[in-house]
Amino acid sequence: MLVALVFFGTMLGNVTSALAEDMGPLSPDVFIRGRQLAVIDVSSPEECSNLCENDSECIAVNWSRRTSTCTELIAYSSAEANGGYVSALKPQGY
């Protein structure tokens, strides 16, 4: 429960707009744990978010600042504060 509060609090407190209209806002310093769909090299968190927006199976993404990789998730279980990542979720109902 605390992890969920940290995640959603961080999403609301440190939001930058995502370019993908069907994705939620990008959330810096948050890592979402879940079942992976794919790992792809991309240059930015916005590009990562756009990949998920265009993939009907993807529901969330983590973009690694260290490796510039995008991890698409098909299920998620929790979120945690982690300065090495930027994440985004699709709004519920997608």
PDB file of N, CA and C in Angstrom:
ATOM      1  N   MET A   1       0.819  -1.191   0.000  1.00  0.00           N
ATOM      2  CA  MET A   1       0.000   0.000   0.000  1.00  0.00           C
ATOM      3  C   MET A   1       0.866   1.259   0.000  1.00  0.00           C
ATOM      4  N   LEU A   2       1.913   1.265   0.839  1.00  0.00           N
ATOM      5  CA  LEU A   2       2.803   2.420   0.896  1.00  0.00           C
ATOM      6  C   LEU A   2       3.491   2.645  -0.440  1.00  0.00           C
ATOM      7  N   VAL A   3       3.887   1.556  -1.092  1.00  0.00           N
ATOM      8  CA  VAL A   3       4.544   1.679  -2.395  1.00  0.00           C
ATOM      9  C   VAL A   3       3.600   2.312  -3.404  1.00  0.00           C
ATOM     10  N   ALA A   4       2.340   1.905  -3.389  1.00  0.00           N
ATOM     11  CA  ALA A   4       1.358   2.488  -4.308  1.00  0.00           C
ATOM     12  C   ALA A   4       1.189   3.976  -4.038  1.00  0.00           C
ATOM     13  N   LEU A   5       1.168   4.371  -2.773  1.00  0.00           N
ATOM     14  CA  LEU A   5       1.045   5.786  -2.438  1.00  0.00           C
ATOM     15  C   LEU A   5       2.260   6.571  -2.906  1.00  0.00           C
ATOM     16  N   VAL A   6       3.440   5.997  -2.735  1.00  0.00           N
ATOM     17  CA  VAL A   6       4.660   6.655  -3.211  1.00  0.00           C
ATOM     18  C   VAL A   6       4.594   6.818  -4.719  1.00  0.00           C
ATOM     19  N   PHE A   7       4.175   5.771  -5.425  1.00  0.00           N
ATOM     20  CA  PHE A   7       4.101   5.820  -6.881  1.00  0.00           C
ATOM     21  C   PHE A   7       3.137   6.896  -7.354  1.00  0.00           C
ATOM     22  N   PHE A   8       1.908   6.869  -6.860  1.00  0.00           N
ATOM     23  CA  PHE A   8       0.918   7.828  -7.326  1.00  0.00           C
ATOM     24  C   PHE A   8       1.239   9.238  -6.846  1.00  0.00           C
ATOM     25  N   GLY A   9       1.810   9.372  -5.661  1.00  0.00           N
ATOM     26  CA  GLY A   9       2.247  10.682  -5.195  1.00  0.00           C
ATOM     27  C   GLY A   9       3.346  11.239  -6.070  1.00  0.00           C
ATOM     28  N   THR A  10       4.267  10.389  -6.468  1.00  0.00           N
ATOM     29  CA  THR A  10       5.349  10.814  -7.348  1.00  0.00           C
ATOM     30  C   THR A  10       4.804  11.174  -8.715  1.00  0.00           C
ATOM     31  N   MET A  11       3.859  10.395  -9.212  1.00  0.00           N
ATOM     32  CA  MET A  11       3.267  10.702 -10.514  1.00  0.00           C
ATOM     33  C   MET A  11       2.623  12.079 -10.499  1.00  0.00           C
ATOM     34  N   LEU A  12       1.931  12.411  -9.426  1.00  0.00           N
ATOM     35  CA  LEU A  12       1.255  13.696  -9.359  1.00  0.00           C
ATOM     36  C   LEU A  12       2.226  14.834  -9.069  1.00  0.00           C
ATOM     37  N   GLY A  13       3.270  14.560  -8.292  1.00  0.00           N
ATOM     38  CA  GLY A  13       4.187  15.608  -7.886  1.00  0.00           C
ATOM     39  C   GLY A  13       5.279  15.923  -8.885  1.00  0.00           C
ATOM     40  N   ASN A  14       5.691  14.971  -9.690  1.00  0.00           N
ATOM     41  CA  ASN A  14       6.809  15.169 -10.618  1.00  0.00           C
ATOM     42  C   ASN A  14       6.404  14.793 -12.032  1.00  0.00           C
ATOM     43  N   VAL A  15       5.383  15.421 -12.539  1.00  0.00           N
ATOM     44  CA  VAL A  15       4.818  15.016 -13.820  1.00  0.00           C
ATOM     45  C   VAL A  15       5.350  15.885 -14.948  1.00  0.00           C
ATOM     46  N   THR A  16       5.733  15.223 -16.033  1.00  0.00           N
ATOM     47  CA  THR A  16       5.987  15.916 -17.290  1.00  0.00           C
ATOM     48  C   THR A  16       5.019  15.314 -18.286  1.00  0.00           C
ATOM     49  N   SER A  17       4.609  16.074 -19.266  1.00  0.00           N
ATOM     50  CA  SER A  17       3.584  15.564 -20.168  1.00  0.00           C
ATOM     51  C   SER A  17       4.163  14.522 -21.110  1.00  0.00           C
ATOM     52  N   ALA A  18       3.436  13.447 -21.284  1.00  0.00           N
ATOM     53  CA  ALA A  18       3.830  12.400 -22.228  1.00  0.00           C
ATOM     54  C   ALA A  18       3.358  12.797 -23.616  1.00  0.00           C
ATOM     55  N   LEU A  19       4.107  12.416 -24.616  1.00  0.00           N
ATOM     56  CA  LEU A  19       3.711  12.717 -25.978  1.00  0.00           C
ATOM     57  C   LEU A  19       2.598  11.798 -26.455  1.00  0.00           C
ATOM     58  N   ALA A  20       2.508  10.624 -25.897  1.00  0.00           N
ATOM     59  CA  ALA A  20       1.491   9.657 -26.309  1.00  0.00           C
ATOM     60  C   ALA A  20       0.176   9.995 -25.622  1.00  0.00           C
ATOM     61  N   GLU A  21      -0.868  10.262 -26.407  1.00  0.00           N
ATOM     62  CA  GLU A  21      -2.116  10.723 -25.809  1.00  0.00           C
ATOM     63  C   GLU A  21      -2.830   9.642 -25.005  1.00  0.00           C
ATOM     64  N   ASP A  22      -2.623   8.383 -25.298  1.00  0.00           N
ATOM     65  CA  ASP A  22      -3.279   7.314 -24.553  1.00  0.00           C
ATOM     66  C   ASP A  22      -2.481   6.856 -23.340  1.00  0.00           C
ATOM     67  N   MET A  23      -1.295   7.392 -23.155  1.00  0.00           N
ATOM     68  CA  MET A  23      -0.485   7.034 -21.995  1.00  0.00           C
ATOM     69  C   MET A  23      -0.712   8.057 -20.898  1.00  0.00           C
ATOM     70  N   GLY A  24      -0.511   7.615 -19.661  1.00  0.00           N
ATOM     71  CA  GLY A  24      -0.530   8.558 -18.558  1.00  0.00           C
ATOM     72  C   GLY A  24       0.743   9.392 -18.604  1.00  0.00           C
ATOM     73  N   PRO A  25       0.877  10.333 -17.681  1.00  0.00           N
ATOM     74  CA  PRO A  25       2.063  11.191 -17.675  1.00  0.00           C
ATOM     75  C   PRO A  25       3.332  10.418 -17.339  1.00  0.00           C
ATOM     76  N   LEU A  26       4.442  10.925 -17.824  1.00  0.00           N
ATOM     77  CA  LEU A  26       5.733  10.344 -17.462  1.00  0.00           C
ATOM     78  C   LEU A  26       6.016  10.666 -16.007  1.00  0.00           C
ATOM     79  N   SER A  27       6.533   9.692 -15.286  1.00  0.00           N
ATOM     80  CA  SER A  27       6.819   9.862 -13.869  1.00  0.00           C
ATOM     81  C   SER A  27       8.301   9.602 -13.614  1.00  0.00           C
ATOM     82  N   PRO A  28       9.088  10.677 -13.432  1.00  0.00           N
ATOM     83  CA  PRO A  28      10.512  10.492 -13.157  1.00  0.00           C
ATOM     84  C   PRO A  28      10.742   9.835 -11.803  1.00  0.00           C
ATOM     85  N   ASP A  29      11.815   9.086 -11.706  1.00  0.00           N
ATOM     86  CA  ASP A  29      12.261   8.489 -10.440  1.00  0.00           C
ATOM     87  C   ASP A  29      11.306   7.440  -9.878  1.00  0.00           C
ATOM     88  N   VAL A  30      10.582   6.761 -10.764  1.00  0.00           N
ATOM     89  CA  VAL A  30       9.681   5.674 -10.363  1.00  0.00           C
ATOM     90  C   VAL A  30       9.970   4.462 -11.238  1.00  0.00           C
ATOM     91  N   PHE A  31      10.025   3.288 -10.621  1.00  0.00           N
ATOM     92  CA  PHE A  31      10.202   2.016 -11.319  1.00  0.00           C
ATOM     93  C   PHE A  31       8.973   1.160 -11.049  1.00  0.00           C
ATOM     94  N   ILE A  32       8.354   0.631 -12.099  1.00  0.00           N
ATOM     95  CA  ILE A  32       7.174  -0.225 -11.981  1.00  0.00           C
ATOM     96  C   ILE A  32       7.619  -1.676 -12.108  1.00  0.00           C
ATOM     97  N   ARG A  33       7.276  -2.495 -11.126  1.00  0.00           N
ATOM     98  CA  ARG A  33       7.571  -3.936 -11.182  1.00  0.00           C
ATOM     99  C   ARG A  33       6.411  -4.636 -11.880  1.00  0.00           C
ATOM    100  N   GLY A  34       6.755  -5.601 -12.731  1.00  0.00           N
ATOM    101  CA  GLY A  34       5.703  -6.334 -13.407  1.00  0.00           C
ATOM    102  C   GLY A  34       6.250  -7.335 -14.397  1.00  0.00           C
ATOM    103  N   ARG A  35       5.344  -7.931 -15.149  1.00  0.00           N
ATOM    104  CA  ARG A  35       5.716  -8.941 -16.141  1.00  0.00           C
ATOM    105  C   ARG A  35       6.101  -8.259 -17.453  1.00  0.00           C
ATOM    106  N   GLN A  36       7.301  -8.572 -17.929  1.00  0.00           N
ATOM    107  CA  GLN A  36       7.843  -7.917 -19.113  1.00  0.00           C
ATOM    108  C   GLN A  36       7.247  -8.457 -20.401  1.00  0.00           C
ATOM    109  N   LEU A  37       7.022  -7.543 -21.325  1.00  0.00           N
ATOM    110  CA  LEU A  37       6.597  -7.871 -22.675  1.00  0.00           C
ATOM    111  C   LEU A  37       7.789  -7.791 -23.628  1.00  0.00           C
ATOM    112  N   ALA A  38       8.569  -6.714 -23.526  1.00  0.00           N
ATOM    113  CA  ALA A  38       9.712  -6.512 -24.421  1.00  0.00           C
ATOM    114  C   ALA A  38      10.680  -5.518 -23.807  1.00  0.00           C
ATOM    115  N   VAL A  39      11.944  -5.598 -24.236  1.00  0.00           N
ATOM    116  CA  VAL A  39      12.968  -4.622 -23.859  1.00  0.00           C
ATOM    117  C   VAL A  39      13.565  -4.097 -25.160  1.00  0.00           C
ATOM    118  N   ILE A  40      13.527  -2.765 -25.328  1.00  0.00           N
ATOM    119  CA  ILE A  40      13.911  -2.141 -26.592  1.00  0.00           C
ATOM    120  C   ILE A  40      14.841  -0.966 -26.308  1.00  0.00           C
ATOM    121  N   ASP A  41      15.875  -0.779 -27.127  1.00  0.00           N
ATOM    122  CA  ASP A  41      16.744   0.394 -27.010  1.00  0.00           C
ATOM    123  C   ASP A  41      16.031   1.599 -27.615  1.00  0.00           C
ATOM    124  N   VAL A  42      15.877   2.662 -26.834  1.00  0.00           N
ATOM    125  CA  VAL A  42      15.272   3.912 -27.314  1.00  0.00           C
ATOM    126  C   VAL A  42      16.055   5.084 -26.729  1.00  0.00           C
ATOM    127  N   SER A  43      15.883   6.256 -27.314  1.00  0.00           N
ATOM    128  CA  SER A  43      16.691   7.400 -26.898  1.00  0.00           C
ATOM    129  C   SER A  43      16.062   8.271 -25.818  1.00  0.00           C
ATOM    130  N   SER A  44      14.757   8.104 -25.551  1.00  0.00           N
ATOM    131  CA  SER A  44      14.117   8.996 -24.583  1.00  0.00           C
ATOM    132  C   SER A  44      12.916   8.320 -23.923  1.00  0.00           C
ATOM    133  N   PRO A  45      12.503   8.826 -22.758  1.00  0.00           N
ATOM    134  CA  PRO A  45      11.301   8.275 -22.123  1.00  0.00           C
ATOM    135  C   PRO A  45      10.042   8.548 -22.946  1.00  0.00           C
ATOM    136  N   GLU A  46      10.028   9.651 -23.695  1.00  0.00           N
ATOM    137  CA  GLU A  46       8.875   9.946 -24.550  1.00  0.00           C
ATOM    138  C   GLU A  46       8.735   8.895 -25.651  1.00  0.00           C
ATOM    139  N   GLU A  47       9.859   8.506 -26.242  1.00  0.00           N
ATOM    140  CA  GLU A  47       9.840   7.460 -27.271  1.00  0.00           C
ATOM    141  C   GLU A  47       9.365   6.139 -26.670  1.00  0.00           C
ATOM    142  N   CYS A  48       9.804   5.854 -25.465  1.00  0.00           N
ATOM    143  CA  CYS A  48       9.386   4.642 -24.752  1.00  0.00           C
ATOM    144  C   CYS A  48       7.871   4.658 -24.530  1.00  0.00           C
ATOM    145  N   SER A  49       7.363   5.792 -24.067  1.00  0.00           N
ATOM    146  CA  SER A  49       5.930   5.936 -23.834  1.00  0.00           C
ATOM    147  C   SER A  49       5.138   5.747 -25.125  1.00  0.00           C
ATOM    148  N   ASN A  50       5.642   6.309 -26.221  1.00  0.00           N
ATOM    149  CA  ASN A  50       4.962   6.169 -27.509  1.00  0.00           C
ATOM    150  C   ASN A  50       4.913   4.720 -27.979  1.00  0.00           C
ATOM    151  N   LEU A  51       5.980   3.956 -27.718  1.00  0.00           N
ATOM    152  CA  LEU A  51       5.976   2.537 -28.092  1.00  0.00           C
ATOM    153  C   LEU A  51       4.841   1.802 -27.394  1.00  0.00           C
ATOM    154  N   CYS A  52       4.670   2.071 -26.114  1.00  0.00           N
ATOM    155  CA  CYS A  52       3.617   1.405 -25.349  1.00  0.00           C
ATOM    156  C   CYS A  52       2.235   1.840 -25.833  1.00  0.00           C
ATOM    157  N   GLU A  53       2.095   3.115 -26.140  1.00  0.00           N
ATOM    158  CA  GLU A  53       0.811   3.617 -26.618  1.00  0.00           C
ATOM    159  C   GLU A  53       0.355   2.861 -27.857  1.00  0.00           C
ATOM    160  N   ASN A  54       1.298   2.520 -28.715  1.00  0.00           N
ATOM    161  CA  ASN A  54       0.980   1.857 -29.979  1.00  0.00           C
ATOM    162  C   ASN A  54       0.941   0.339 -29.888  1.00  0.00           C
ATOM    163  N   ASP A  55       1.093  -0.214 -28.697  1.00  0.00           N
ATOM    164  CA  ASP A  55       1.084  -1.665 -28.488  1.00  0.00           C
ATOM    165  C   ASP A  55      -0.106  -2.020 -27.602  1.00  0.00           C
ATOM    166  N   SER A  56      -1.064  -2.742 -28.145  1.00  0.00           N
ATOM    167  CA  SER A  56      -2.289  -3.048 -27.396  1.00  0.00           C
ATOM    168  C   SER A  56      -2.043  -3.926 -26.173  1.00  0.00           C
ATOM    169  N   GLU A  57      -0.955  -4.696 -26.148  1.00  0.00           N
ATOM    170  CA  GLU A  57      -0.656  -5.549 -24.993  1.00  0.00           C
ATOM    171  C   GLU A  57       0.035  -4.792 -23.860  1.00  0.00           C
ATOM    172  N   CYS A  58       0.717  -3.723 -24.184  1.00  0.00           N
ATOM    173  CA  CYS A  58       1.504  -2.972 -23.203  1.00  0.00           C
ATOM    174  C   CYS A  58       0.591  -2.130 -22.312  1.00  0.00           C
ATOM    175  N   ILE A  59       0.847  -2.181 -20.987  1.00  0.00           N
ATOM    176  CA  ILE A  59       0.067  -1.348 -20.064  1.00  0.00           C
ATOM    177  C   ILE A  59       0.937  -0.373 -19.274  1.00  0.00           C
ATOM    178  N   ALA A  60       2.255  -0.550 -19.312  1.00  0.00           N
ATOM    179  CA  ALA A  60       3.160   0.337 -18.585  1.00  0.00           C
ATOM    180  C   ALA A  60       4.562   0.196 -19.150  1.00  0.00           C
ATOM    181  N   VAL A  61       5.392   1.213 -18.890  1.00  0.00           N
ATOM    182  CA  VAL A  61       6.784   1.181 -19.338  1.00  0.00           C
ATOM    183  C   VAL A  61       7.712   1.725 -18.266  1.00  0.00           C
ATOM    184  N   ASN A  62       8.944   1.241 -18.311  1.00  0.00           N
ATOM    185  CA  ASN A  62      10.054   1.788 -17.535  1.00  0.00           C
ATOM    186  C   ASN A  62      11.149   2.136 -18.528  1.00  0.00           C
ATOM    187  N   TRP A  63      11.665   3.358 -18.462  1.00  0.00           N
ATOM    188  CA  TRP A  63      12.806   3.745 -19.282  1.00  0.00           C
ATOM    189  C   TRP A  63      14.001   3.921 -18.369  1.00  0.00           C
ATOM    190  N   SER A  64      15.075   3.194 -18.653  1.00  0.00           N
ATOM    191  CA  SER A  64      16.289   3.234 -17.845  1.00  0.00           C
ATOM    192  C   SER A  64      17.187   4.377 -18.295  1.00  0.00           C
ATOM    193  N   ARG A  65      17.506   5.266 -17.375  1.00  0.00           N
ATOM    194  CA  ARG A  65      18.417   6.370 -17.688  1.00  0.00           C
ATOM    195  C   ARG A  65      19.828   5.856 -17.972  1.00  0.00           C
ATOM    196  N   ARG A  66      20.250   4.812 -17.278  1.00  0.00           N
ATOM    197  CA  ARG A  66      21.612   4.288 -17.405  1.00  0.00           C
ATOM    198  C   ARG A  66      21.842   3.598 -18.746  1.00  0.00           C
ATOM    199  N   THR A  67      20.886   2.796 -19.194  1.00  0.00           N
ATOM    200  CA  THR A  67      21.077   1.994 -20.406  1.00  0.00           C
ATOM    201  C   THR A  67      20.277   2.481 -21.609  1.00  0.00           C
ATOM    202  N   SER A  68      19.408   3.466 -21.424  1.00  0.00           N
ATOM    203  CA  SER A  68      18.513   3.960 -22.486  1.00  0.00           C
ATOM    204  C   SER A  68      17.697   2.831 -23.097  1.00  0.00           C
ATOM    205  N   THR A  69      17.205   1.941 -22.228  1.00  0.00           N
ATOM    206  CA  THR A  69      16.332   0.871 -22.699  1.00  0.00           C
ATOM    207  C   THR A  69      14.925   1.083 -22.169  1.00  0.00           C
ATOM    208  N   CYS A  70      13.976   0.651 -22.951  1.00  0.00           N
ATOM    209  CA  CYS A  70      12.561   0.743 -22.617  1.00  0.00           C
ATOM    210  C   CYS A  70      12.048  -0.666 -22.340  1.00  0.00           C
ATOM    211  N   THR A  71      11.486  -0.866 -21.162  1.00  0.00           N
ATOM    212  CA  THR A  71      10.882  -2.154 -20.828  1.00  0.00           C
ATOM    213  C   THR A  71       9.375  -1.985 -20.834  1.00  0.00           C
ATOM    214  N   GLU A  72       8.714  -2.699 -21.759  1.00  0.00           N
ATOM    215  CA  GLU A  72       7.256  -2.689 -21.815  1.00  0.00           C
ATOM    216  C   GLU A  72       6.733  -3.779 -20.885  1.00  0.00           C
ATOM    217  N   LEU A  73       5.665  -3.470 -20.170  1.00  0.00           N
ATOM    218  CA  LEU A  73       5.067  -4.418 -19.232  1.00  0.00           C
ATOM    219  C   LEU A  73       3.653  -4.774 -19.667  1.00  0.00           C
ATOM    220  N   ILE A  74       3.282  -6.055 -19.460  1.00  0.00           N
ATOM    221  CA  ILE A  74       1.913  -6.484 -19.743  1.00  0.00           C
ATOM    222  C   ILE A  74       1.119  -6.674 -18.461  1.00  0.00           C
ATOM    223  N   ALA A  75       1.795  -6.594 -17.327  1.00  0.00           N
ATOM    224  CA  ALA A  75       1.143  -6.656 -16.016  1.00  0.00           C
ATOM    225  C   ALA A  75       2.073  -5.983 -15.027  1.00  0.00           C
ATOM    226  N   TYR A  76       1.492  -5.364 -14.003  1.00  0.00           N
ATOM    227  CA  TYR A  76       2.352  -4.766 -12.988  1.00  0.00           C
ATOM    228  C   TYR A  76       1.854  -5.129 -11.603  1.00  0.00           C
ATOM    229  N   SER A  77       2.800  -5.167 -10.655  1.00  0.00           N
ATOM    230  CA  SER A  77       2.459  -5.569  -9.296  1.00  0.00           C
ATOM    231  C   SER A  77       2.717  -4.476  -8.276  1.00  0.00           C
ATOM    232  N   SER A  78       3.707  -3.629  -8.515  1.00  0.00           N
ATOM    233  CA  SER A  78       4.014  -2.572  -7.554  1.00  0.00           C
ATOM    234  C   SER A  78       4.889  -1.521  -8.217  1.00  0.00           C
ATOM    235  N   ALA A  79       5.119  -0.455  -7.491  1.00  0.00           N
ATOM    236  CA  ALA A  79       6.002   0.606  -7.959  1.00  0.00           C
ATOM    237  C   ALA A  79       6.856   1.065  -6.790  1.00  0.00           C
ATOM    238  N   GLU A  80       8.041   1.562  -7.121  1.00  0.00           N
ATOM    239  CA  GLU A  80       8.942   2.027  -6.066  1.00  0.00           C
ATOM    240  C   GLU A  80       9.728   3.235  -6.559  1.00  0.00           C
ATOM    241  N   ALA A  81      10.167   4.048  -5.626  1.00  0.00           N
ATOM    242  CA  ALA A  81      11.016   5.181  -5.967  1.00  0.00           C
ATOM    243  C   ALA A  81      12.378   4.656  -6.415  1.00  0.00           C
ATOM    244  N   ASN A  82      12.846   5.117  -7.579  1.00  0.00           N
ATOM    245  CA  ASN A  82      14.148   4.709  -8.104  1.00  0.00           C
ATOM    246  C   ASN A  82      14.604   5.779  -9.093  1.00  0.00           C
ATOM    247  N   GLY A  83      15.640   6.515  -8.727  1.00  0.00           N
ATOM    248  CA  GLY A  83      16.130   7.616  -9.540  1.00  0.00           C
ATOM    249  C   GLY A  83      16.689   7.236 -10.894  1.00  0.00           C
ATOM    250  N   GLY A  84      16.870   5.964 -11.155  1.00  0.00           N
ATOM    251  CA  GLY A  84      17.427   5.526 -12.428  1.00  0.00           C
ATOM    252  C   GLY A  84      16.400   5.313 -13.521  1.00  0.00           C
ATOM    253  N   TYR A  85      15.120   5.560 -13.227  1.00  0.00           N
ATOM    254  CA  TYR A  85      14.066   5.235 -14.185  1.00  0.00           C
ATOM    255  C   TYR A  85      13.061   6.370 -14.355  1.00  0.00           C
ATOM    256  N   VAL A  86      12.382   6.338 -15.496  1.00  0.00           N
ATOM    257  CA  VAL A  86      11.203   7.153 -15.769  1.00  0.00           C
ATOM    258  C   VAL A  86      10.138   6.159 -16.205  1.00  0.00           C
ATOM    259  N   SER A  87       8.930   6.267 -15.671  1.00  0.00           N
ATOM    260  CA  SER A  87       7.890   5.294 -16.003  1.00  0.00           C
ATOM    261  C   SER A  87       6.609   5.987 -16.450  1.00  0.00           C
ATOM    262  N   ALA A  88       5.721   5.196 -17.028  1.00  0.00           N
ATOM    263  CA  ALA A  88       4.397   5.680 -17.423  1.00  0.00           C
ATOM    264  C   ALA A  88       3.438   4.501 -17.453  1.00  0.00           C
ATOM    265  N   LEU A  89       2.186   4.784 -17.134  1.00  0.00           N
ATOM    266  CA  LEU A  89       1.109   3.789 -17.162  1.00  0.00           C
ATOM    267  C   LEU A  89       0.038   4.224 -18.144  1.00  0.00           C
ATOM    268  N   LYS A  90      -0.630   3.261 -18.778  1.00  0.00           N
ATOM    269  CA  LYS A  90      -1.838   3.593 -19.519  1.00  0.00           C
ATOM    270  C   LYS A  90      -2.941   3.803 -18.494  1.00  0.00           C
ATOM    271  N   PRO A  91      -3.812   4.774 -18.725  1.00  0.00           N
ATOM    272  CA  PRO A  91      -4.934   4.951 -17.804  1.00  0.00           C
ATOM    273  C   PRO A  91      -5.790   3.692 -17.765  1.00  0.00           C
ATOM    274  N   GLN A  92      -6.444   3.447 -16.655  1.00  0.00           N
ATOM    275  CA  GLN A  92      -7.300   2.266 -16.551  1.00  0.00           C
ATOM    276  C   GLN A  92      -8.385   2.344 -17.608  1.00  0.00           C
ATOM    277  N   GLY A  93      -8.723   1.198 -18.148  1.00  0.00           N
ATOM    278  CA  GLY A  93      -9.737   1.134 -19.181  1.00  0.00           C
ATOM    279  C   GLY A  93      -9.158   0.936 -20.567  1.00  0.00           C
ATOM    280  N   TYR A  94      -7.835   1.050 -20.714  1.00  0.00           N
ATOM    281  CA  TYR A  94      -7.205   0.816 -22.015  1.00  0.00           C
ATOM    282  C   TYR A  94      -6.734  -0.595 -22.091  1.00  0.00           C
TER     283      TYR A  94
END
